[in-house]
């Protein structure tokens, strides 16, 4: 009777207030964090921690406050962040099968749909990754063919630098062309001329999507996709860019279908078409045209962005540290000279050059927050219970800059990768490609490209900043951590 009388006397404002209180209490109870779950900052009702910075420096501050395993809430979804070499290794290496899956990321799901290699799971992911790995390693003459593609492209890249005739220029898209042409040769069986404006447009669209994908405004889409899909914003640009890129890739695949000879596969797409015929009785493996499209998109992105960005950082560091550039060139002159181009057999004899490349990857910190993963089973990590299905992010920046692992973590120092005798030495805390079962598929390819392209450029050119335009070391944080736009002078040696 009391409640009935109360309801009868409530006006519209009262009902609004009552509804808000009910929703508030529902949100509080639904998102109550158990004491066994990783701690984190207080969350705003309905919104979570959307006002917390999404950059790796903000994440590190939270790790200092809440420990190496902490959590944030975006909307109603909780995500666990893992910081520091020790805990990242525990998650990805020691607990090899605990964080294998990928969560659904609404921003990318519109395009990738859980297909391909990077964002798929289970049986389909295993089959697609195995096929791509086999192709990248052993297609044609195997590893040697990848080296040949890279050596050929290094000549085109150096010629493009030479054409600038020692004048100041922005190397951004020249480098993207060079790196992307290596994976394009593997996927499509051909490269693109640096003057090809249609391919330049694809590279620009992809670069813009990568930068926007890491912004706080774009990442709101992952927290509230149902609402934001109808509103303008950078997420719409990301989706529109991918749509154009996919259209471009469809044309390449259709051209391959028209010319396809199953007895003479020329490249990845041809080999995939052959595999589609073989796997007709195993539809769960996902060998179909739709998956081929997404796999091709995965590989063209993975084979371009991180390596091209690392090379741009390399130019920046060589301009900032001319004495290091000189030592690299002295080593190259002593071991290789100027009469031939570098090859992979030279790498063991170029320890200082190799150390500089590794230090560039460490300080460049290309993918600072890693790529999101998901607990594939109930897991205990750092003393906290992480339920199956919980999204996680391993903060790779915290590994590459870990004060317990590096003598001078915040200083560019190639000595991190050299022993007392000047020989190159590997470091366990060097994880720019992540680790475990989801380690970057193209790691071996990226290592080869970085060595051959960097060494070729330093063999042939002296790099220096434009007077008054020393590039910034601060970097731009999108989905990757890239240098600000800069100009360089490359004078033939």
Protein backbone atom coordinates (compact mmCIF):
# COMPACT_ATOMS: atom_id res chain seq x y z
CA UNK A 1 0.00 0.00 0.00
CA UNK A 2 2.82 2.41 0.89
CA UNK A 3 4.67 1.73 -2.42
CA UNK A 4 1.41 2.04 -4.37
CA UNK A 5 0.70 5.43 -2.79
CA UNK A 6 4.28 6.52 -3.44
CA UNK A 7 4.06 5.59 -7.09
CA UNK A 8 0.74 7.38 -7.53
CA UNK A 9 2.11 10.69 -6.17
CA UNK A 10 5.34 10.67 -8.24
CA UNK A 11 5.49 13.17 -11.09
CA UNK A 12 7.56 12.90 -14.27
CA UNK A 13 10.69 14.31 -12.61
CA UNK A 14 10.32 11.83 -9.77
CA UNK A 15 10.10 8.95 -12.22
CA UNK A 16 13.22 10.15 -14.01
CA UNK A 17 15.10 10.36 -10.74
CA UNK A 18 13.86 6.92 -9.67
CA UNK A 19 14.87 5.38 -13.02
CA UNK A 20 18.33 6.94 -12.78
CA UNK A 21 18.86 5.55 -9.27
CA UNK A 22 17.79 2.08 -10.41
CA UNK A 23 20.14 2.22 -13.40
CA UNK A 24 22.96 3.51 -11.20
CA UNK A 25 22.54 0.71 -8.67
CA UNK A 26 22.31 -1.84 -11.48
CA UNK A 27 25.58 -0.53 -12.98
CA UNK A 28 27.32 -0.58 -9.59
CA UNK A 29 26.30 -4.15 -8.77
CA UNK A 30 26.86 -5.49 -12.30
CA UNK A 31 30.37 -4.04 -12.48
CA UNK A 32 31.41 -4.64 -8.89
CA UNK A 33 35.04 -5.70 -8.92
CA UNK A 34 35.71 -8.84 -6.82
CA UNK A 35 38.66 -8.52 -4.42
CA UNK A 36 40.37 -11.38 -6.28
CA UNK A 37 40.33 -9.39 -9.55
CA UNK A 38 43.27 -7.07 -10.42
CA UNK A 39 42.89 -3.64 -8.81
CA UNK A 40 42.50 -0.36 -10.63
CA UNK A 41 41.34 3.24 -10.33
CA UNK A 42 37.71 4.02 -9.38
CA UNK A 43 35.36 3.94 -12.36
CA UNK A 44 32.71 6.49 -13.33
CA UNK A 45 29.21 4.92 -13.37
CA UNK A 46 28.11 3.81 -16.86
CA UNK A 47 31.35 5.12 -18.46
CA UNK A 48 34.07 3.28 -16.54
CA UNK A 49 37.62 4.65 -16.86
CA UNK A 50 37.18 6.32 -20.24
CA UNK A 51 38.83 9.48 -18.94
CA UNK A 52 42.03 7.59 -18.13
CA UNK A 53 44.74 8.14 -20.75
CA UNK A 54 45.24 5.36 -23.28
CA UNK A 55 48.96 6.06 -23.86
CA UNK A 56 51.69 3.81 -22.47
CA UNK A 57 53.02 6.51 -20.13
CA UNK A 58 49.62 6.74 -18.41
CA UNK A 59 49.58 2.95 -18.15
CA UNK A 60 52.99 2.96 -16.49
CA UNK A 61 51.83 5.47 -13.88
CA UNK A 62 48.91 3.17 -13.09
CA UNK A 63 51.29 0.20 -12.83
CA UNK A 64 53.37 2.11 -10.28
CA UNK A 65 50.25 2.81 -8.25
CA UNK A 66 48.37 -0.50 -8.55
CA UNK A 67 51.11 -3.02 -9.35
CA UNK A 68 52.22 -4.93 -12.45
CA UNK A 69 48.75 -6.47 -12.92
CA UNK A 70 45.91 -3.95 -12.85
CA UNK A 71 42.58 -3.34 -14.56
CA UNK A 72 40.52 -0.62 -16.21
CA UNK A 73 36.87 -0.53 -17.22
CA UNK A 74 35.72 0.76 -20.59
CA UNK A 75 31.94 0.99 -20.50
CA UNK A 76 30.93 -2.31 -18.94
CA UNK A 77 33.98 -4.27 -20.13
CA UNK A 78 36.99 -4.79 -17.87
CA UNK A 79 40.47 -5.13 -19.30
CA UNK A 80 43.60 -6.29 -17.49
CA UNK A 81 46.98 -4.64 -18.14
CA UNK A 82 50.27 -6.45 -17.51
CA UNK A 83 53.46 -4.47 -16.93
CA UNK A 84 57.18 -5.22 -16.62
CA UNK A 85 59.33 -7.96 -18.13
CA UNK A 86 58.87 -10.42 -15.27
CA UNK A 87 55.07 -10.39 -15.36
CA UNK A 88 54.78 -10.15 -19.16
CA UNK A 89 57.03 -13.19 -19.46
CA UNK A 90 54.90 -15.02 -16.88
CA UNK A 91 51.77 -14.32 -18.91
CA UNK A 92 53.03 -14.99 -22.44
CA UNK A 93 55.78 -17.57 -21.96
CA UNK A 94 55.37 -19.39 -18.65
CA UNK A 95 51.58 -19.55 -19.03
CA UNK A 96 51.79 -20.26 -22.74
CA UNK A 97 48.16 -21.36 -23.22
CA UNK A 98 46.44 -18.90 -20.87
CA UNK A 99 46.29 -15.84 -23.14
CA UNK A 100 46.12 -17.18 -26.68
CA UNK A 101 42.76 -15.85 -27.87
CA UNK A 102 41.82 -12.48 -29.32
CA UNK A 103 38.85 -10.52 -27.95
CA UNK A 104 36.26 -8.99 -30.26
CA UNK A 105 37.43 -5.44 -30.97
CA UNK A 106 34.39 -3.59 -32.38
CA UNK A 107 36.52 -0.98 -34.19
CA UNK A 108 38.24 -3.68 -36.26
CA UNK A 109 35.48 -6.32 -36.23
CA UNK A 110 33.51 -4.29 -38.78
CA UNK A 111 36.25 -5.10 -41.31
CA UNK A 112 38.05 -8.23 -40.06
CA UNK A 113 34.94 -10.06 -38.72
CA UNK A 114 37.01 -12.50 -36.67
CA UNK A 115 38.63 -13.86 -39.83
CA UNK A 116 42.19 -13.80 -41.14
CA UNK A 117 45.22 -14.30 -38.92
CA UNK A 118 45.55 -11.44 -36.44
CA UNK A 119 42.00 -11.40 -35.03
CA UNK A 120 40.80 -14.98 -35.50
CA UNK A 121 40.75 -17.74 -32.86
CA UNK A 122 40.71 -21.50 -32.45
CA UNK A 123 41.05 -24.00 -35.27
CA UNK A 124 40.64 -21.40 -38.01
CA UNK A 125 43.42 -19.25 -36.57
CA UNK A 126 45.80 -22.21 -36.25
CA UNK A 127 45.25 -23.29 -39.85
CA UNK A 128 45.51 -19.78 -41.31
CA UNK A 129 48.62 -18.89 -39.30
CA UNK A 130 50.33 -22.18 -40.17
CA UNK A 131 49.65 -21.69 -43.87
CA UNK A 132 50.89 -18.07 -43.86
CA UNK A 133 53.97 -19.01 -41.85
CA UNK A 134 54.83 -21.82 -44.24
CA UNK A 135 54.38 -19.56 -47.25
CA UNK A 136 56.43 -16.69 -45.88
CA UNK A 137 59.27 -19.02 -44.94
CA UNK A 138 59.35 -21.59 -47.68
CA UNK A 139 57.54 -20.35 -50.78
CA UNK A 140 59.61 -20.56 -53.97
CA UNK A 141 63.21 -20.89 -52.86
CA UNK A 142 62.19 -20.29 -49.25
CA UNK A 143 64.10 -17.91 -47.07
CA UNK A 144 66.41 -17.07 -49.95
CA UNK A 145 63.53 -15.68 -52.03
CA UNK A 146 62.58 -13.26 -49.25
CA UNK A 147 66.18 -12.14 -49.04
CA UNK A 148 66.23 -11.65 -52.81
CA UNK A 149 63.04 -9.57 -52.72
CA UNK A 150 64.58 -7.44 -49.97
CA UNK A 151 67.91 -6.99 -51.74
CA UNK A 152 66.13 -5.92 -54.93
CA UNK A 153 63.96 -3.44 -53.06
CA UNK A 154 66.90 -2.02 -51.13
CA UNK A 155 68.36 -0.94 -54.49
CA UNK A 156 65.13 0.81 -55.45
CA UNK A 157 65.00 2.48 -52.03
CA UNK A 158 68.58 3.72 -52.29
CA UNK A 159 67.94 5.00 -55.82
CA UNK A 160 64.93 6.96 -54.53
CA UNK A 161 67.13 8.53 -51.84
CA UNK A 162 69.80 9.28 -54.48
CA UNK A 163 67.27 11.06 -56.70
CA UNK A 164 66.80 13.65 -53.96
CA UNK A 165 70.40 14.78 -54.78
CA UNK A 166 71.28 15.66 -51.21
CA UNK A 167 68.34 18.07 -50.90
CA UNK A 168 66.06 18.03 -47.81
CA UNK A 169 63.12 15.61 -48.20
CA UNK A 170 60.52 13.78 -46.13
CA UNK A 171 61.36 10.04 -46.33
CA UNK A 172 58.03 8.83 -44.90
CA UNK A 173 56.38 7.40 -48.01
CA UNK A 174 59.58 6.47 -49.82
CA UNK A 175 60.31 4.13 -46.90
CA UNK A 176 56.70 2.87 -46.78
CA UNK A 177 56.87 2.09 -50.51
CA UNK A 178 60.13 0.20 -50.06
CA UNK A 179 58.99 -1.91 -47.13
CA UNK A 180 55.50 -2.54 -48.51
CA UNK A 181 56.91 -3.67 -51.85
CA UNK A 182 58.66 -6.59 -50.16
CA UNK A 183 55.45 -8.05 -48.74
CA UNK A 184 53.62 -7.07 -51.96
CA UNK A 185 56.09 -9.13 -54.00
CA UNK A 186 55.38 -12.06 -51.71
CA UNK A 187 51.58 -11.63 -51.76
CA UNK A 188 50.91 -10.40 -55.28
CA UNK A 189 54.00 -11.52 -57.18
CA UNK A 190 54.90 -7.95 -58.14
CA UNK A 191 56.03 -4.64 -56.66
CA UNK A 192 54.70 -1.12 -57.20
CA UNK A 193 56.60 1.83 -58.65
CA UNK A 194 57.23 4.63 -56.16
CA UNK A 195 55.38 6.92 -58.60
CA UNK A 196 52.22 4.74 -58.52
CA UNK A 197 49.62 7.14 -57.13
CA UNK A 198 46.92 4.50 -56.61
CA UNK A 199 49.23 2.51 -54.32
CA UNK A 200 50.38 5.74 -52.64
CA UNK A 201 46.71 6.37 -51.82
CA UNK A 202 46.42 2.93 -50.19
CA UNK A 203 49.53 3.58 -48.08
CA UNK A 204 48.15 6.97 -47.00
CA UNK A 205 44.77 5.50 -46.08
CA UNK A 206 46.38 2.75 -44.03
CA UNK A 207 48.74 5.16 -42.29
CA UNK A 208 45.82 7.42 -41.35
CA UNK A 209 43.81 4.46 -40.03
CA UNK A 210 46.73 3.29 -37.88
CA UNK A 211 47.24 6.74 -36.37
CA UNK A 212 43.52 7.28 -35.68
CA UNK A 213 42.99 3.78 -34.26
CA UNK A 214 45.17 4.60 -31.25
CA UNK A 215 43.43 7.86 -30.32
CA UNK A 216 41.29 8.07 -27.19
CA UNK A 217 38.31 9.31 -29.19
CA UNK A 218 38.47 6.38 -31.62
CA UNK A 219 38.85 3.84 -28.81
CA UNK A 220 35.56 5.07 -27.32
CA UNK A 221 33.98 3.11 -30.17
CA UNK A 222 35.14 -0.15 -28.56
CA UNK A 223 33.39 0.83 -25.32
CA UNK A 224 30.12 2.04 -26.90
CA UNK A 225 29.85 0.60 -30.44
CA UNK A 226 26.06 0.42 -30.41
CA UNK A 227 25.80 4.16 -29.88
CA UNK A 228 28.81 5.49 -31.78
CA UNK A 229 28.21 3.55 -34.98
CA UNK A 230 25.52 6.11 -35.82
CA UNK A 231 27.59 9.17 -34.86
CA UNK A 232 30.39 10.98 -36.75
CA UNK A 233 33.94 10.66 -35.51
CA UNK A 234 37.40 9.26 -36.36
CA UNK A 235 36.07 5.69 -36.15
CA UNK A 236 34.06 6.42 -39.29
CA UNK A 237 37.25 7.48 -41.06
CA UNK A 238 38.99 4.27 -39.98
CA UNK A 239 36.13 2.18 -41.38
CA UNK A 240 35.97 4.19 -44.62
CA UNK A 241 39.73 3.86 -45.14
CA UNK A 242 39.65 0.11 -44.66
CA UNK A 243 36.76 -0.13 -47.10
CA UNK A 244 38.89 1.47 -49.82
CA UNK A 245 41.88 -0.72 -48.98
CA UNK A 246 39.72 -3.85 -49.15
CA UNK A 247 38.39 -2.79 -52.57
CA UNK A 248 41.99 -2.46 -53.80
CA UNK A 249 42.89 -5.92 -52.48
CA UNK A 250 39.76 -7.47 -54.02
CA UNK A 251 40.93 -6.33 -57.45
CA UNK A 252 44.32 -8.00 -56.92
CA UNK A 253 42.63 -11.26 -55.88
CA UNK A 254 40.19 -11.17 -58.82
CA UNK A 255 43.10 -10.65 -61.21
CA UNK A 256 44.81 -13.71 -59.71
CA UNK A 257 41.64 -15.78 -60.08
CA UNK A 258 41.49 -14.89 -63.79
CA UNK A 259 45.13 -15.81 -64.42
CA UNK A 260 45.42 -18.67 -61.92
CA UNK A 261 47.35 -21.78 -62.90
CA UNK A 262 47.12 -24.38 -60.08
CA UNK A 263 50.25 -26.09 -61.38
CA UNK A 264 52.34 -22.92 -61.14
CA UNK A 265 51.55 -20.87 -58.00
CA UNK A 266 53.48 -17.60 -58.27
CA UNK A 267 52.82 -16.04 -54.86
CA UNK A 268 50.78 -16.18 -51.65
CA UNK A 269 47.42 -15.55 -53.34
CA UNK A 270 48.01 -18.28 -55.93
CA UNK A 271 49.12 -20.70 -53.20
CA UNK A 272 46.02 -19.84 -51.15
CA UNK A 273 43.76 -20.59 -54.15
CA UNK A 274 45.44 -24.00 -54.40
CA UNK A 275 44.85 -24.56 -50.67
CA UNK A 276 41.15 -23.67 -51.12
CA UNK A 277 40.81 -26.60 -53.49
CA UNK A 278 42.63 -28.94 -51.09
CA UNK A 279 40.58 -27.90 -48.06
CA UNK A 280 37.09 -28.07 -49.59
CA UNK A 281 36.21 -30.92 -47.23
CA UNK A 282 37.34 -28.91 -44.18
CA UNK A 283 35.24 -25.71 -44.14
CA UNK A 284 36.16 -24.98 -40.52
CA UNK A 285 39.74 -24.28 -41.64
CA UNK A 286 38.36 -21.20 -43.38
CA UNK A 287 40.08 -21.44 -46.75
CA UNK A 288 37.72 -19.31 -48.83
CA UNK A 289 37.78 -16.00 -50.72
CA UNK A 290 36.50 -13.94 -47.80
CA UNK A 291 39.25 -15.25 -45.53
CA UNK A 292 41.85 -14.78 -48.27
CA UNK A 293 40.88 -11.12 -48.44
CA UNK A 294 41.26 -10.61 -44.69
CA UNK A 295 44.53 -12.61 -44.55
CA UNK A 296 45.94 -10.44 -47.35
CA UNK A 297 44.91 -7.32 -45.44
CA UNK A 298 46.53 -8.72 -42.27
CA UNK A 299 49.80 -9.42 -44.05
CA UNK A 300 50.05 -6.17 -46.02
CA UNK A 301 49.52 -4.20 -42.78
CA UNK A 302 51.80 -6.32 -40.61
CA UNK A 303 54.44 -6.37 -43.34
CA UNK A 304 54.47 -2.59 -43.75
CA UNK A 305 53.65 -0.55 -40.65
CA UNK A 306 56.06 -1.71 -37.95
CA UNK A 307 59.14 -2.16 -40.17
CA UNK A 308 58.64 1.15 -42.01
CA UNK A 309 58.11 2.97 -38.71
CA UNK A 310 61.24 1.37 -37.22
CA UNK A 311 63.33 2.49 -40.21
CA UNK A 312 62.05 6.05 -39.83
CA UNK A 313 63.07 5.95 -36.16
CA UNK A 314 66.48 4.66 -37.28
CA UNK A 315 66.98 7.75 -39.45
CA UNK A 316 65.94 9.98 -36.56
CA UNK A 317 68.42 8.36 -34.15
CA UNK A 318 71.25 8.47 -36.69
CA UNK A 319 70.69 12.22 -37.06
CA UNK A 320 70.63 12.69 -33.29
CA UNK A 321 73.74 10.54 -32.75
CA UNK A 322 76.16 11.21 -35.65
CA UNK A 323 78.99 9.50 -33.75
CA UNK A 324 76.96 6.26 -33.72
CA UNK A 325 76.19 6.68 -37.42
CA UNK A 326 79.90 7.06 -38.10
CA UNK A 327 80.76 3.86 -36.15
CA UNK A 328 78.11 1.92 -38.12
CA UNK A 329 79.53 3.18 -41.42
CA UNK A 330 83.10 2.38 -40.40
CA UNK A 331 82.04 -1.19 -39.59
CA UNK A 332 80.17 -1.53 -42.89
CA UNK A 333 83.16 -0.15 -44.83
CA UNK A 334 85.52 -2.56 -43.06
CA UNK A 335 83.36 -5.69 -43.55
CA UNK A 336 81.52 -5.06 -46.83
CA UNK A 337 83.11 -2.03 -48.46
CA UNK A 338 81.42 -0.19 -51.32
CA UNK A 339 81.81 -2.76 -54.08
CA UNK A 340 78.79 -4.92 -53.24
CA UNK A 341 75.49 -4.65 -51.37
CA UNK A 342 74.94 -6.22 -47.94
CA UNK A 343 73.42 -9.69 -47.55
CA UNK A 344 72.28 -11.70 -44.54
CA UNK A 345 75.58 -13.59 -44.37
CA UNK A 346 77.14 -10.28 -43.29
CA UNK A 347 75.08 -9.90 -40.13
CA UNK A 348 77.33 -11.96 -37.78
CA UNK A 349 80.26 -9.79 -38.88
CA UNK A 350 78.41 -6.53 -38.19
CA UNK A 351 77.70 -6.74 -34.44
CA UNK A 352 77.66 -2.99 -33.84
CA UNK A 353 75.28 -2.37 -36.75
CA UNK A 354 73.04 -5.17 -35.50
CA UNK A 355 73.11 -3.67 -31.99
CA UNK A 356 72.08 -0.26 -33.35
CA UNK A 357 69.12 -1.81 -35.18
CA UNK A 358 68.01 -3.62 -32.01
CA UNK A 359 68.40 -0.48 -29.92
CA UNK A 360 66.29 1.40 -32.47
CA UNK A 361 63.54 -1.18 -32.02
CA UNK A 362 63.82 -0.94 -28.24
CA UNK A 363 63.77 2.85 -28.02
CA UNK A 364 61.38 3.26 -30.97
CA UNK A 365 58.90 1.21 -28.93
CA UNK A 366 56.73 0.67 -32.00
CA UNK A 367 53.75 -1.17 -30.45
CA UNK A 368 53.88 0.07 -26.83
CA UNK A 369 50.67 -1.58 -25.62
CA UNK A 370 51.01 -4.74 -27.68
CA UNK A 371 47.95 -6.16 -29.43
CA UNK A 372 44.98 -7.06 -27.18
CA UNK A 373 44.60 -10.68 -26.16
CA UNK A 374 42.02 -12.55 -24.11
CA UNK A 375 42.18 -15.12 -21.34
CA UNK A 376 41.45 -18.44 -23.02
CA UNK A 377 40.74 -20.05 -19.64
CA UNK A 378 40.38 -19.10 -15.97
CA UNK A 379 43.84 -17.99 -14.91
CA UNK A 380 45.79 -16.85 -11.86
CA UNK A 381 48.34 -14.13 -12.63
CA UNK A 382 50.26 -12.13 -10.04
CA UNK A 383 48.02 -13.58 -7.36
CA UNK A 384 44.83 -12.32 -9.05
CA UNK A 385 42.04 -14.34 -10.63
CA UNK A 386 41.39 -13.52 -14.29
CA UNK A 387 38.22 -15.19 -15.64
CA UNK A 388 38.09 -16.77 -19.08
CA UNK A 389 37.11 -14.21 -21.71
CA UNK A 390 38.74 -11.23 -19.98
CA UNK A 391 40.62 -8.93 -22.33
CA UNK A 392 44.30 -8.31 -21.52
CA UNK A 393 47.01 -5.99 -22.79
CA UNK A 394 50.71 -6.69 -22.27
CA UNK A 395 52.49 -3.33 -22.05
CA UNK A 396 55.51 -4.02 -24.25
CA UNK A 397 56.85 -0.52 -23.55
CA UNK A 398 57.26 -1.52 -19.90
CA UNK A 399 59.45 -4.44 -21.02
CA UNK A 400 61.60 -2.50 -23.48
CA UNK A 401 62.11 0.29 -20.92
CA UNK A 402 62.23 -1.88 -17.79
CA UNK A 403 64.71 -0.32 -15.33
CA UNK A 404 65.53 -3.76 -13.96
CA UNK A 405 66.59 -5.08 -17.37
CA UNK A 406 68.41 -2.23 -19.13
CA UNK A 407 71.44 -0.28 -17.89
CA UNK A 408 70.21 3.01 -19.38
CA UNK A 409 66.55 2.35 -20.27
CA UNK A 410 65.75 5.92 -21.35
CA UNK A 411 68.93 6.53 -23.37
CA UNK A 412 69.74 5.31 -26.89
CA UNK A 413 72.61 2.96 -26.13
CA UNK A 414 73.69 0.18 -28.57
CA UNK A 415 75.92 -1.22 -25.80
CA UNK A 416 72.76 -2.86 -24.42
CA UNK A 417 73.25 -5.49 -27.14
CA UNK A 418 77.03 -5.90 -26.99
CA UNK A 419 79.16 -7.93 -24.61
CA UNK A 420 82.50 -6.86 -23.14
CA UNK A 421 84.28 -8.05 -26.30
CA UNK A 422 82.02 -6.11 -28.64
CA UNK A 423 80.13 -9.18 -29.83
CA UNK A 424 76.38 -9.02 -30.35
CA UNK A 425 74.36 -10.55 -27.52
CA UNK A 426 70.65 -11.29 -27.38
CA UNK A 427 68.56 -10.00 -24.49
CA UNK A 428 65.55 -11.85 -23.08
CA UNK A 429 63.76 -8.58 -22.33
CA UNK A 430 63.89 -7.59 -26.01
CA UNK A 431 60.27 -8.25 -26.96
CA UNK A 432 59.25 -5.77 -29.69
CA UNK A 433 57.45 -8.62 -31.49
CA UNK A 434 55.71 -9.82 -28.29
CA UNK A 435 56.16 -13.48 -27.29
CA UNK A 436 54.36 -16.79 -26.94
CA UNK A 437 51.94 -18.34 -29.40
CA UNK A 438 50.76 -14.93 -30.63
CA UNK A 439 54.26 -13.64 -31.34
CA UNK A 440 54.36 -11.52 -34.51
CA UNK A 441 54.04 -13.81 -37.54
CA UNK A 442 56.40 -11.69 -39.61
CA UNK A 443 59.23 -11.45 -37.06
CA UNK A 444 61.83 -13.26 -39.18
CA UNK A 445 60.84 -11.20 -42.22
CA UNK A 446 61.02 -7.92 -40.30
CA UNK A 447 64.47 -8.74 -38.89
CA UNK A 448 65.77 -9.44 -42.38
CA UNK A 449 64.26 -6.29 -43.86
CA UNK A 450 65.54 -4.04 -41.07
CA UNK A 451 69.08 -5.37 -41.40
CA UNK A 452 69.31 -5.23 -45.19
CA UNK A 453 67.53 -1.90 -45.70
CA UNK A 454 69.24 -0.08 -42.83
CA UNK A 455 72.69 -1.39 -43.73
CA UNK A 456 72.21 -0.50 -47.42
CA UNK A 457 71.17 3.05 -46.58
CA UNK A 458 74.08 3.62 -44.18
CA UNK A 459 76.50 2.06 -46.66
CA UNK A 460 75.53 4.53 -49.36
CA UNK A 461 74.45 7.73 -47.60
CA UNK A 462 75.53 10.11 -44.88
CA UNK A 463 72.37 11.21 -43.08
CA UNK A 464 72.04 14.61 -41.44
CA UNK A 465 69.24 16.88 -40.23
CA UNK A 466 68.09 19.94 -42.14
CA UNK A 467 69.58 22.99 -40.36
CA UNK A 468 67.16 24.13 -37.68
CA UNK A 469 64.94 21.05 -38.16
CA UNK A 470 66.33 18.39 -35.82
CA UNK A 471 63.58 15.70 -35.68
CA UNK A 472 61.77 15.24 -32.39
CA UNK A 473 62.32 12.12 -30.27
CA UNK A 474 58.89 12.50 -28.66
CA UNK A 475 56.92 10.48 -31.20
CA UNK A 476 53.25 10.30 -32.18
CA UNK A 477 51.09 7.69 -30.48
CA UNK A 478 48.47 6.10 -32.69
CA UNK A 479 48.02 2.34 -32.79
CA UNK A 480 51.80 2.41 -33.21
CA UNK A 481 54.42 4.82 -31.83
CA UNK A 482 55.91 6.67 -34.78
CA UNK A 483 58.21 9.67 -35.30
CA UNK A 484 56.74 13.06 -36.06
CA UNK A 485 57.04 14.02 -39.73
CA UNK A 486 60.60 15.12 -40.50
CA UNK A 487 62.98 15.98 -43.33
CA UNK A 488 66.46 14.59 -43.84
CA UNK A 489 69.40 15.19 -46.14
CA UNK A 490 70.99 12.03 -47.56
CA UNK A 491 74.33 12.76 -49.22
CA UNK A 492 75.86 9.90 -51.26
CA UNK A 493 79.09 8.67 -49.67
